[in-house]
Amino acid sequence: MSCQHLVCAQCAHPVIEGRCPLCRANRERMHNHGFAGLSPALIVFLLVVLLFVALVLKHLGGL
């Protein structure tokens, strides 16, 4: 979703213009996309999977 087509409820102008504090805050929130455009939940999931794979490899290497 982008803020190009959204209209602010406070000032009734497009959010992309950032005319009021609410517009600027929502525009910043919408454009803040975590690391490499991935959501924080997906990043945490990938880190858990990476940890699991590392533990499995360590266990298999210890045999």
Protein backbone atom coordinates (compact mmCIF):
# COMPACT_ATOMS: atom_id res chain seq x y z
CA MET A 1 0.00 0.00 0.00
CA SER A 2 1.26 3.48 -0.76
CA CYS A 3 0.20 6.84 0.60
CA GLN A 4 -0.28 8.39 -2.87
CA HIS A 5 -4.04 7.87 -2.86
CA LEU A 6 -4.76 8.34 0.85
CA VAL A 7 -6.46 11.48 2.15
CA CYS A 8 -5.74 12.70 5.68
CA ALA A 9 -8.73 12.82 8.03
CA GLN A 10 -7.27 15.80 9.86
CA CYS A 11 -6.35 18.22 7.06
CA ALA A 12 -8.22 16.64 4.08
CA HIS A 13 -5.12 16.78 1.85
CA PRO A 14 -3.19 13.89 0.30
CA VAL A 15 -0.99 12.14 2.87
CA ILE A 16 1.92 12.15 0.40
CA GLU A 17 2.15 15.95 0.73
CA GLY A 18 2.68 15.77 4.51
CA ARG A 19 0.94 19.05 5.32
CA CYS A 20 0.10 18.25 8.96
CA PRO A 21 1.89 16.25 11.69
CA LEU A 22 -0.53 13.34 11.25
CA CYS A 23 0.19 13.18 7.50
CA ARG A 24 3.94 13.25 8.10
CA ALA A 25 3.76 10.55 10.77
CA ASN A 26 1.64 8.23 8.64
CA ARG A 27 3.77 8.80 5.56
CA GLU A 28 6.91 7.93 7.55
CA ARG A 29 5.25 4.85 9.06
CA MET A 30 4.16 3.58 5.65
CA HIS A 31 7.60 4.08 4.12
CA ASN A 32 9.44 2.37 6.97
CA HIS A 33 9.98 -1.16 5.65
CA GLY A 34 12.42 -2.90 7.98
CA PHE A 35 15.61 -4.53 6.67
CA ALA A 36 15.72 -5.03 2.89
CA GLY A 37 11.96 -4.50 2.62
CA LEU A 38 11.19 -7.52 4.82
CA SER A 39 8.77 -7.35 7.71
CA PRO A 40 10.25 -7.69 11.21
CA ALA A 41 8.26 -10.90 11.81
CA LEU A 42 9.75 -12.49 8.69
CA ILE A 43 13.26 -11.46 9.74
CA VAL A 44 12.77 -13.09 13.16
CA PHE A 45 11.42 -16.24 11.51
CA LEU A 46 14.44 -16.43 9.19
CA LEU A 47 16.82 -16.00 12.12
CA VAL A 48 15.11 -18.85 14.01
CA VAL A 49 15.34 -21.09 10.94
CA LEU A 50 19.02 -20.20 10.54
CA LEU A 51 19.66 -21.04 14.21
CA PHE A 52 17.86 -24.37 13.81
CA VAL A 53 19.90 -25.25 10.72
CA ALA A 54 23.13 -24.34 12.54
CA LEU A 55 22.20 -26.58 15.48
CA VAL A 56 21.34 -29.48 13.17
CA LEU A 57 24.65 -29.11 11.32
CA LYS A 58 26.55 -28.99 14.59
CA HIS A 59 24.78 -32.13 15.80
CA LEU A 60 25.44 -34.00 12.55
CA GLY A 61 29.07 -32.94 12.53
CA GLY A 62 29.56 -34.19 16.09
CA LEU A 63 28.65 -37.79 15.20
